[in-house]
């Protein structure tokens, strides 16, 4: 499902115009993004939890030359599915 498909689905289910549904979807994604930028967790009960995960610095190899390189530590977004979502998919 693409973002456009999601907007169309929301518009149909909530009896909204396409423009209103697009604004709603963008607002939800924007709110999740803003919270994660601050380092907060976003918990959607029955769906899952969005969080910021930290990856430690590590050593890697350049695949072309085989030379060792240092890979810096970074933060990545993470998602853990909730119990209800896991049950629905089974």
PDB file of N, CA and C in Angstrom:
ATOM      1  N   UNK A   1       0.851  -1.176   0.000  1.00  0.00           N
ATOM      2  CA  UNK A   1       0.000   0.000   0.000  1.00  0.00           C
ATOM      3  C   UNK A   1       0.896   1.237   0.000  1.00  0.00           C
ATOM      4  N   UNK A   2       0.640   2.131  -0.914  1.00  0.00           N
ATOM      5  CA  UNK A   2       1.394   3.380  -0.989  1.00  0.00           C
ATOM      6  C   UNK A   2       0.686   4.455  -0.175  1.00  0.00           C
ATOM      7  N   UNK A   3       1.336   5.594  -0.043  1.00  0.00           N
ATOM      8  CA  UNK A   3       0.729   6.704   0.694  1.00  0.00           C
ATOM      9  C   UNK A   3      -0.547   7.168  -0.004  1.00  0.00           C
ATOM     10  N   UNK A   4      -0.539   7.175  -1.340  1.00  0.00           N
ATOM     11  CA  UNK A   4      -1.739   7.570  -2.099  1.00  0.00           C
ATOM     12  C   UNK A   4      -2.883   6.588  -1.844  1.00  0.00           C
ATOM     13  N   UNK A   5      -2.564   5.298  -1.767  1.00  0.00           N
ATOM     14  CA  UNK A   5      -3.582   4.291  -1.461  1.00  0.00           C
ATOM     15  C   UNK A   5      -4.151   4.512  -0.065  1.00  0.00           C
ATOM     16  N   UNK A   6      -3.273   4.842   0.868  1.00  0.00           N
ATOM     17  CA  UNK A   6      -3.708   5.094   2.240  1.00  0.00           C
ATOM     18  C   UNK A   6      -4.631   6.308   2.301  1.00  0.00           C
ATOM     19  N   UNK A   7      -4.291   7.359   1.581  1.00  0.00           N
ATOM     20  CA  UNK A   7      -5.129   8.569   1.541  1.00  0.00           C
ATOM     21  C   UNK A   7      -6.495   8.236   0.960  1.00  0.00           C
ATOM     22  N   UNK A   8      -6.527   7.472  -0.121  1.00  0.00           N
ATOM     23  CA  UNK A   8      -7.803   7.091  -0.738  1.00  0.00           C
ATOM     24  C   UNK A   8      -8.636   6.249   0.213  1.00  0.00           C
ATOM     25  N   UNK A   9      -7.995   5.340   0.950  1.00  0.00           N
ATOM     26  CA  UNK A   9      -8.700   4.480   1.900  1.00  0.00           C
ATOM     27  C   UNK A   9      -9.294   5.302   3.045  1.00  0.00           C
ATOM     28  N   UNK A  10      -8.505   6.237   3.574  1.00  0.00           N
ATOM     29  CA  UNK A  10      -8.985   7.097   4.660  1.00  0.00           C
ATOM     30  C   UNK A  10     -10.146   7.959   4.178  1.00  0.00           C
ATOM     31  N   UNK A  11     -10.032   8.489   2.966  1.00  0.00           N
ATOM     32  CA  UNK A  11     -11.106   9.323   2.411  1.00  0.00           C
ATOM     33  C   UNK A  11     -12.402   8.539   2.297  1.00  0.00           C
ATOM     34  N   UNK A  12     -12.297   7.299   1.848  1.00  0.00           N
ATOM     35  CA  UNK A  12     -13.490   6.462   1.672  1.00  0.00           C
ATOM     36  C   UNK A  12     -14.079   6.057   3.020  1.00  0.00           C
ATOM     37  N   UNK A  13     -13.240   5.596   3.954  1.00  0.00           N
ATOM     38  CA  UNK A  13     -13.724   5.111   5.251  1.00  0.00           C
ATOM     39  C   UNK A  13     -14.301   6.219   6.121  1.00  0.00           C
ATOM     40  N   UNK A  14     -13.693   7.409   6.067  1.00  0.00           N
ATOM     41  CA  UNK A  14     -14.121   8.504   6.942  1.00  0.00           C
ATOM     42  C   UNK A  14     -15.043   9.484   6.235  1.00  0.00           C
ATOM     43  N   UNK A  15     -15.428   9.188   4.999  1.00  0.00           N
ATOM     44  CA  UNK A  15     -16.282  10.068   4.206  1.00  0.00           C
ATOM     45  C   UNK A  15     -15.713  11.489   4.131  1.00  0.00           C
ATOM     46  N   UNK A  16     -14.437  11.558   3.787  1.00  0.00           N
ATOM     47  CA  UNK A  16     -13.750  12.834   3.652  1.00  0.00           C
ATOM     48  C   UNK A  16     -13.400  13.076   2.185  1.00  0.00           C
ATOM     49  N   UNK A  17     -13.103  14.321   1.877  1.00  0.00           N
ATOM     50  CA  UNK A  17     -12.596  14.607   0.540  1.00  0.00           C
ATOM     51  C   UNK A  17     -11.152  14.113   0.481  1.00  0.00           C
ATOM     52  N   UNK A  18     -10.657  13.954  -0.725  1.00  0.00           N
ATOM     53  CA  UNK A  18      -9.269  13.517  -0.891  1.00  0.00           C
ATOM     54  C   UNK A  18      -8.302  14.505  -0.254  1.00  0.00           C
ATOM     55  N   UNK A  19      -8.579  15.781  -0.403  1.00  0.00           N
ATOM     56  CA  UNK A  19      -7.703  16.810   0.157  1.00  0.00           C
ATOM     57  C   UNK A  19      -7.684  16.733   1.682  1.00  0.00           C
ATOM     58  N   UNK A  20      -8.851  16.560   2.302  1.00  0.00           N
ATOM     59  CA  UNK A  20      -8.926  16.476   3.764  1.00  0.00           C
ATOM     60  C   UNK A  20      -8.240  15.210   4.272  1.00  0.00           C
ATOM     61  N   UNK A  21      -8.420  14.107   3.552  1.00  0.00           N
ATOM     62  CA  UNK A  21      -7.787  12.852   3.952  1.00  0.00           C
ATOM     63  C   UNK A  21      -6.271  12.961   3.839  1.00  0.00           C
ATOM     64  N   UNK A  22      -5.788  13.622   2.781  1.00  0.00           N
ATOM     65  CA  UNK A  22      -4.351  13.793   2.598  1.00  0.00           C
ATOM     66  C   UNK A  22      -3.764  14.628   3.733  1.00  0.00           C
ATOM     67  N   UNK A  23      -4.466  15.699   4.117  1.00  0.00           N
ATOM     68  CA  UNK A  23      -4.018  16.537   5.227  1.00  0.00           C
ATOM     69  C   UNK A  23      -3.995  15.740   6.533  1.00  0.00           C
ATOM     70  N   UNK A  24      -5.007  14.899   6.752  1.00  0.00           N
ATOM     71  CA  UNK A  24      -5.067  14.091   7.969  1.00  0.00           C
ATOM     72  C   UNK A  24      -3.904  13.102   8.023  1.00  0.00           C
ATOM     73  N   UNK A  25      -3.654  12.408   6.924  1.00  0.00           N
ATOM     74  CA  UNK A  25      -2.566  11.429   6.877  1.00  0.00           C
ATOM     75  C   UNK A  25      -1.224  12.135   7.076  1.00  0.00           C
ATOM     76  N   UNK A  26      -1.026  13.250   6.392  1.00  0.00           N
ATOM     77  CA  UNK A  26       0.227  14.002   6.545  1.00  0.00           C
ATOM     78  C   UNK A  26       0.402  14.522   7.977  1.00  0.00           C
ATOM     79  N   UNK A  27      -0.694  14.913   8.613  1.00  0.00           N
ATOM     80  CA  UNK A  27      -0.627  15.390   9.995  1.00  0.00           C
ATOM     81  C   UNK A  27      -0.199  14.282  10.945  1.00  0.00           C
ATOM     82  N   UNK A  28      -0.735  13.097  10.749  1.00  0.00           N
ATOM     83  CA  UNK A  28      -0.368  11.960  11.605  1.00  0.00           C
ATOM     84  C   UNK A  28       1.111  11.630  11.421  1.00  0.00           C
ATOM     85  N   UNK A  29       1.558  11.525  10.168  1.00  0.00           N
ATOM     86  CA  UNK A  29       2.967  11.218   9.920  1.00  0.00           C
ATOM     87  C   UNK A  29       3.871  12.324  10.441  1.00  0.00           C
ATOM     88  N   UNK A  30       3.439  13.572  10.306  1.00  0.00           N
ATOM     89  CA  UNK A  30       4.212  14.698  10.818  1.00  0.00           C
ATOM     90  C   UNK A  30       4.332  14.666  12.334  1.00  0.00           C
ATOM     91  N   UNK A  31       3.247  14.325  13.008  1.00  0.00           N
ATOM     92  CA  UNK A  31       3.264  14.242  14.470  1.00  0.00           C
ATOM     93  C   UNK A  31       4.203  13.134  14.939  1.00  0.00           C
ATOM     94  N   UNK A  32       4.166  11.993  14.273  1.00  0.00           N
ATOM     95  CA  UNK A  32       5.058  10.880  14.628  1.00  0.00           C
ATOM     96  C   UNK A  32       6.510  11.310  14.404  1.00  0.00           C
ATOM     97  N   UNK A  33       6.790  11.927  13.270  1.00  0.00           N
ATOM     98  CA  UNK A  33       8.150  12.373  12.945  1.00  0.00           C
ATOM     99  C   UNK A  33       8.656  13.389  13.965  1.00  0.00           C
ATOM    100  N   UNK A  34       7.831  14.378  14.302  1.00  0.00           N
ATOM    101  CA  UNK A  34       8.236  15.409  15.258  1.00  0.00           C
ATOM    102  C   UNK A  34       8.533  14.814  16.638  1.00  0.00           C
ATOM    103  N   UNK A  35       7.709  13.870  17.073  1.00  0.00           N
ATOM    104  CA  UNK A  35       7.931  13.234  18.371  1.00  0.00           C
ATOM    105  C   UNK A  35       9.220  12.431  18.374  1.00  0.00           C
ATOM    106  N   UNK A  36       9.480  11.709  17.281  1.00  0.00           N
ATOM    107  CA  UNK A  36      10.711  10.924  17.209  1.00  0.00           C
ATOM    108  C   UNK A  36      11.941  11.830  17.154  1.00  0.00           C
ATOM    109  N   UNK A  37      11.832  12.986  16.487  1.00  0.00           N
ATOM    110  CA  UNK A  37      12.955  13.933  16.445  1.00  0.00           C
ATOM    111  C   UNK A  37      13.321  14.403  17.843  1.00  0.00           C
ATOM    112  N   UNK A  38      12.310  14.568  18.710  1.00  0.00           N
ATOM    113  CA  UNK A  38      12.548  14.996  20.085  1.00  0.00           C
ATOM    114  C   UNK A  38      13.079  13.854  20.943  1.00  0.00           C
ATOM    115  N   UNK A  39      13.014  12.623  20.433  1.00  0.00           N
ATOM    116  CA  UNK A  39      13.470  11.472  21.203  1.00  0.00           C
ATOM    117  C   UNK A  39      12.356  10.791  21.978  1.00  0.00           C
ATOM    118  N   UNK A  40      11.118  11.205  21.761  1.00  0.00           N
ATOM    119  CA  UNK A  40       9.978  10.609  22.464  1.00  0.00           C
ATOM    120  C   UNK A  40       9.516   9.335  21.767  1.00  0.00           C
ATOM    121  N   UNK A  41       8.836   8.486  22.527  1.00  0.00           N
ATOM    122  CA  UNK A  41       8.191   7.310  21.955  1.00  0.00           C
ATOM    123  C   UNK A  41       6.776   7.685  21.553  1.00  0.00           C
ATOM    124  N   UNK A  42       6.263   7.043  20.508  1.00  0.00           N
ATOM    125  CA  UNK A  42       4.877   7.230  20.093  1.00  0.00           C
ATOM    126  C   UNK A  42       4.187   5.882  20.245  1.00  0.00           C
ATOM    127  N   UNK A  43       3.245   5.801  21.181  1.00  0.00           N
ATOM    128  CA  UNK A  43       2.546   4.553  21.455  1.00  0.00           C
ATOM    129  C   UNK A  43       1.121   4.662  20.926  1.00  0.00           C
ATOM    130  N   UNK A  44       0.775   3.792  19.983  1.00  0.00           N
ATOM    131  CA  UNK A  44      -0.578   3.723  19.453  1.00  0.00           C
ATOM    132  C   UNK A  44      -1.148   2.401  19.961  1.00  0.00           C
ATOM    133  N   UNK A  45      -1.969   2.485  20.985  1.00  0.00           N
ATOM    134  CA  UNK A  45      -2.493   1.283  21.632  1.00  0.00           C
ATOM    135  C   UNK A  45      -3.232   0.414  20.626  1.00  0.00           C
ATOM    136  N   UNK A  46      -2.906  -0.862  20.618  1.00  0.00           N
ATOM    137  CA  UNK A  46      -3.528  -1.808  19.709  1.00  0.00           C
ATOM    138  C   UNK A  46      -2.838  -1.881  18.357  1.00  0.00           C
ATOM    139  N   UNK A  47      -1.899  -0.967  18.083  1.00  0.00           N
ATOM    140  CA  UNK A  47      -1.191  -0.981  16.805  1.00  0.00           C
ATOM    141  C   UNK A  47       0.289  -1.233  17.005  1.00  0.00           C
ATOM    142  N   UNK A  48       0.937  -0.368  17.774  1.00  0.00           N
ATOM    143  CA  UNK A  48       2.360  -0.564  18.012  1.00  0.00           C
ATOM    144  C   UNK A  48       3.027   0.665  18.585  1.00  0.00           C
ATOM    145  N   UNK A  49       4.358   0.586  18.689  1.00  0.00           N
ATOM    146  CA  UNK A  49       5.152   1.653  19.276  1.00  0.00           C
ATOM    147  C   UNK A  49       6.257   2.058  18.315  1.00  0.00           C
ATOM    148  N   UNK A  50       6.337   3.356  18.046  1.00  0.00           N
ATOM    149  CA  UNK A  50       7.429   3.915  17.268  1.00  0.00           C
ATOM    150  C   UNK A  50       8.440   4.470  18.262  1.00  0.00           C
ATOM    151  N   UNK A  51       9.737   4.228  18.040  1.00  0.00           N
ATOM    152  CA  UNK A  51      10.760   4.698  18.958  1.00  0.00           C
ATOM    153  C   UNK A  51      12.042   5.002  18.209  1.00  0.00           C
ATOM    154  N   UNK A  52      12.959   5.670  18.877  1.00  0.00           N
ATOM    155  CA  UNK A  52      14.276   5.945  18.317  1.00  0.00           C
ATOM    156  C   UNK A  52      15.229   4.911  18.895  1.00  0.00           C
ATOM    157  N   UNK A  53      15.943   4.230  18.010  1.00  0.00           N
ATOM    158  CA  UNK A  53      16.927   3.241  18.441  1.00  0.00           C
ATOM    159  C   UNK A  53      18.315   3.773  18.141  1.00  0.00           C
ATOM    160  N   UNK A  54      19.260   3.430  18.989  1.00  0.00           N
ATOM    161  CA  UNK A  54      20.644   3.860  18.790  1.00  0.00           C
ATOM    162  C   UNK A  54      21.464   2.679  18.275  1.00  0.00           C
ATOM    163  N   UNK A  55      22.253   2.949  17.241  1.00  0.00           N
ATOM    164  CA  UNK A  55      23.171   1.950  16.716  1.00  0.00           C
ATOM    165  C   UNK A  55      24.576   2.361  17.144  1.00  0.00           C
ATOM    166  N   UNK A  56      25.309   1.441  17.692  1.00  0.00           N
ATOM    167  CA  UNK A  56      26.656   1.722  18.175  1.00  0.00           C
ATOM    168  C   UNK A  56      27.619   1.890  17.002  1.00  0.00           C
ATOM    169  N   UNK A  57      28.715   2.588  17.255  1.00  0.00           N
ATOM    170  CA  UNK A  57      29.772   2.710  16.249  1.00  0.00           C
ATOM    171  C   UNK A  57      30.382   1.316  16.051  1.00  0.00           C
ATOM    172  N   UNK A  58      30.824   1.053  14.825  1.00  0.00           N
ATOM    173  CA  UNK A  58      31.388  -0.274  14.549  1.00  0.00           C
ATOM    174  C   UNK A  58      32.388  -0.187  13.414  1.00  0.00           C
ATOM    175  N   UNK A  59      33.117  -1.244  13.253  1.00  0.00           N
ATOM    176  CA  UNK A  59      34.087  -1.325  12.161  1.00  0.00           C
ATOM    177  C   UNK A  59      33.436  -2.057  11.001  1.00  0.00           C
ATOM    178  N   UNK A  60      33.737  -1.605   9.789  1.00  0.00           N
ATOM    179  CA  UNK A  60      33.226  -2.246   8.589  1.00  0.00           C
ATOM    180  C   UNK A  60      34.341  -2.376   7.573  1.00  0.00           C
ATOM    181  N   UNK A  61      33.989  -2.834   6.383  1.00  0.00           N
ATOM    182  CA  UNK A  61      34.965  -2.976   5.310  1.00  0.00           C
ATOM    183  C   UNK A  61      34.430  -2.336   4.046  1.00  0.00           C
ATOM    184  N   UNK A  62      35.295  -1.655   3.325  1.00  0.00           N
ATOM    185  CA  UNK A  62      34.946  -1.131   2.017  1.00  0.00           C
ATOM    186  C   UNK A  62      34.856  -2.337   1.077  1.00  0.00           C
ATOM    187  N   UNK A  63      33.693  -2.595   0.465  1.00  0.00           N
ATOM    188  CA  UNK A  63      33.552  -3.787  -0.363  1.00  0.00           C
ATOM    189  C   UNK A  63      34.429  -3.772  -1.620  1.00  0.00           C
ATOM    190  N   UNK A  64      34.821  -2.601  -2.104  1.00  0.00           N
ATOM    191  CA  UNK A  64      35.653  -2.544  -3.311  1.00  0.00           C
ATOM    192  C   UNK A  64      37.116  -2.813  -3.014  1.00  0.00           C
ATOM    193  N   UNK A  65      37.603  -2.224  -1.917  1.00  0.00           N
ATOM    194  CA  UNK A  65      39.034  -2.351  -1.632  1.00  0.00           C
ATOM    195  C   UNK A  65      39.340  -3.319  -0.503  1.00  0.00           C
ATOM    196  N   UNK A  66      38.368  -3.597   0.324  1.00  0.00           N
ATOM    197  CA  UNK A  66      38.591  -4.462   1.482  1.00  0.00           C
ATOM    198  C   UNK A  66      39.225  -3.723   2.644  1.00  0.00           C
ATOM    199  N   UNK A  67      39.435  -2.422   2.505  1.00  0.00           N
ATOM    200  CA  UNK A  67      40.056  -1.636   3.570  1.00  0.00           C
ATOM    201  C   UNK A  67      39.086  -1.456   4.732  1.00  0.00           C
ATOM    202  N   UNK A  68      39.586  -1.537   5.963  1.00  0.00           N
ATOM    203  CA  UNK A  68      38.700  -1.321   7.117  1.00  0.00           C
ATOM    204  C   UNK A  68      38.287   0.151   7.212  1.00  0.00           C
ATOM    205  N   UNK A  69      37.035   0.379   7.595  1.00  0.00           N
ATOM    206  CA  UNK A  69      36.522   1.734   7.790  1.00  0.00           C
ATOM    207  C   UNK A  69      35.745   1.783   9.100  1.00  0.00           C
ATOM    208  N   UNK A  70      35.638   2.960   9.654  1.00  0.00           N
ATOM    209  CA  UNK A  70      34.849   3.152  10.869  1.00  0.00           C
ATOM    210  C   UNK A  70      33.468   3.643  10.472  1.00  0.00           C
ATOM    211  N   UNK A  71      32.443   2.998  11.014  1.00  0.00           N
ATOM    212  CA  UNK A  71      31.063   3.403  10.780  1.00  0.00           C
ATOM    213  C   UNK A  71      30.591   4.101  12.053  1.00  0.00           C
ATOM    214  N   UNK A  72      30.182   5.345  11.928  1.00  0.00           N
ATOM    215  CA  UNK A  72      29.803   6.163  13.084  1.00  0.00           C
ATOM    216  C   UNK A  72      28.509   5.671  13.717  1.00  0.00           C
ATOM    217  N   UNK A  73      28.336   5.993  14.998  1.00  0.00           N
ATOM    218  CA  UNK A  73      27.091   5.695  15.700  1.00  0.00           C
ATOM    219  C   UNK A  73      25.991   6.568  15.126  1.00  0.00           C
ATOM    220  N   UNK A  74      24.771   6.074  15.143  1.00  0.00           N
ATOM    221  CA  UNK A  74      23.649   6.862  14.638  1.00  0.00           C
ATOM    222  C   UNK A  74      22.354   6.420  15.288  1.00  0.00           C
ATOM    223  N   UNK A  75      21.347   7.227  15.110  1.00  0.00           N
ATOM    224  CA  UNK A  75      20.006   6.920  15.612  1.00  0.00           C
ATOM    225  C   UNK A  75      19.141   6.529  14.433  1.00  0.00           C
ATOM    226  N   UNK A  76      18.289   5.526  14.623  1.00  0.00           N
ATOM    227  CA  UNK A  76      17.395   5.085  13.568  1.00  0.00           C
ATOM    228  C   UNK A  76      15.985   4.938  14.129  1.00  0.00           C
ATOM    229  N   UNK A  77      14.968   5.126  13.297  1.00  0.00           N
ATOM    230  CA  UNK A  77      13.605   4.907  13.769  1.00  0.00           C
ATOM    231  C   UNK A  77      13.334   3.405  13.878  1.00  0.00           C
ATOM    232  N   UNK A  78      12.524   3.056  14.850  1.00  0.00           N
ATOM    233  CA  UNK A  78      12.161   1.655  15.037  1.00  0.00           C
ATOM    234  C   UNK A  78      10.674   1.528  15.288  1.00  0.00           C
ATOM    235  N   UNK A  79      10.159   0.350  15.030  1.00  0.00           N
ATOM    236  CA  UNK A  79       8.739   0.071  15.259  1.00  0.00           C
ATOM    237  C   UNK A  79       8.604  -1.316  15.856  1.00  0.00           C
ATOM    238  N   UNK A  80       7.792  -1.421  16.890  1.00  0.00           N
ATOM    239  CA  UNK A  80       7.461  -2.708  17.479  1.00  0.00           C
ATOM    240  C   UNK A  80       5.952  -2.873  17.382  1.00  0.00           C
ATOM    241  N   UNK A  81       5.523  -3.938  16.740  1.00  0.00           N
ATOM    242  CA  UNK A  81       4.091  -4.179  16.569  1.00  0.00           C
ATOM    243  C   UNK A  81       3.449  -4.521  17.905  1.00  0.00           C
ATOM    244  N   UNK A  82       2.221  -4.041  18.088  1.00  0.00           N
ATOM    245  CA  UNK A  82       1.474  -4.321  19.305  1.00  0.00           C
ATOM    246  C   UNK A  82       0.812  -5.689  19.253  1.00  0.00           C
ATOM    247  N   UNK A  83       0.309  -6.106  20.379  1.00  0.00           N
ATOM    248  CA  UNK A  83      -0.305  -7.425  20.523  1.00  0.00           C
ATOM    249  C   UNK A  83      -1.499  -7.604  19.579  1.00  0.00           C
ATOM    250  N   UNK A  84      -2.351  -6.579  19.488  1.00  0.00           N
ATOM    251  CA  UNK A  84      -3.549  -6.678  18.643  1.00  0.00           C
ATOM    252  C   UNK A  84      -3.174  -6.776  17.165  1.00  0.00           C
ATOM    253  N   UNK A  85      -2.151  -6.038  16.732  1.00  0.00           N
ATOM    254  CA  UNK A  85      -1.712  -6.098  15.340  1.00  0.00           C
ATOM    255  C   UNK A  85      -1.121  -7.470  15.014  1.00  0.00           C
ATOM    256  N   UNK A  86      -0.314  -7.989  15.907  1.00  0.00           N
ATOM    257  CA  UNK A  86       0.267  -9.314  15.706  1.00  0.00           C
ATOM    258  C   UNK A  86      -0.826 -10.381  15.590  1.00  0.00           C
ATOM    259  N   UNK A  87      -1.823 -10.266  16.461  1.00  0.00           N
ATOM    260  CA  UNK A  87      -2.924 -11.239  16.451  1.00  0.00           C
ATOM    261  C   UNK A  87      -3.753 -11.136  15.168  1.00  0.00           C
ATOM    262  N   UNK A  88      -3.965  -9.919  14.684  1.00  0.00           N
ATOM    263  CA  UNK A  88      -4.763  -9.715  13.477  1.00  0.00           C
ATOM    264  C   UNK A  88      -4.064 -10.294  12.240  1.00  0.00           C
ATOM    265  N   UNK A  89      -2.738 -10.258  12.238  1.00  0.00           N
ATOM    266  CA  UNK A  89      -1.993 -10.730  11.077  1.00  0.00           C
ATOM    267  C   UNK A  89      -1.892 -12.247  11.046  1.00  0.00           C
ATOM    268  N   UNK A  90      -1.861 -12.871  12.179  1.00  0.00           N
ATOM    269  CA  UNK A  90      -1.763 -14.332  12.217  1.00  0.00           C
ATOM    270  C   UNK A  90      -2.888 -14.935  11.501  1.00  0.00           C
TER     271      UNK A  90
END
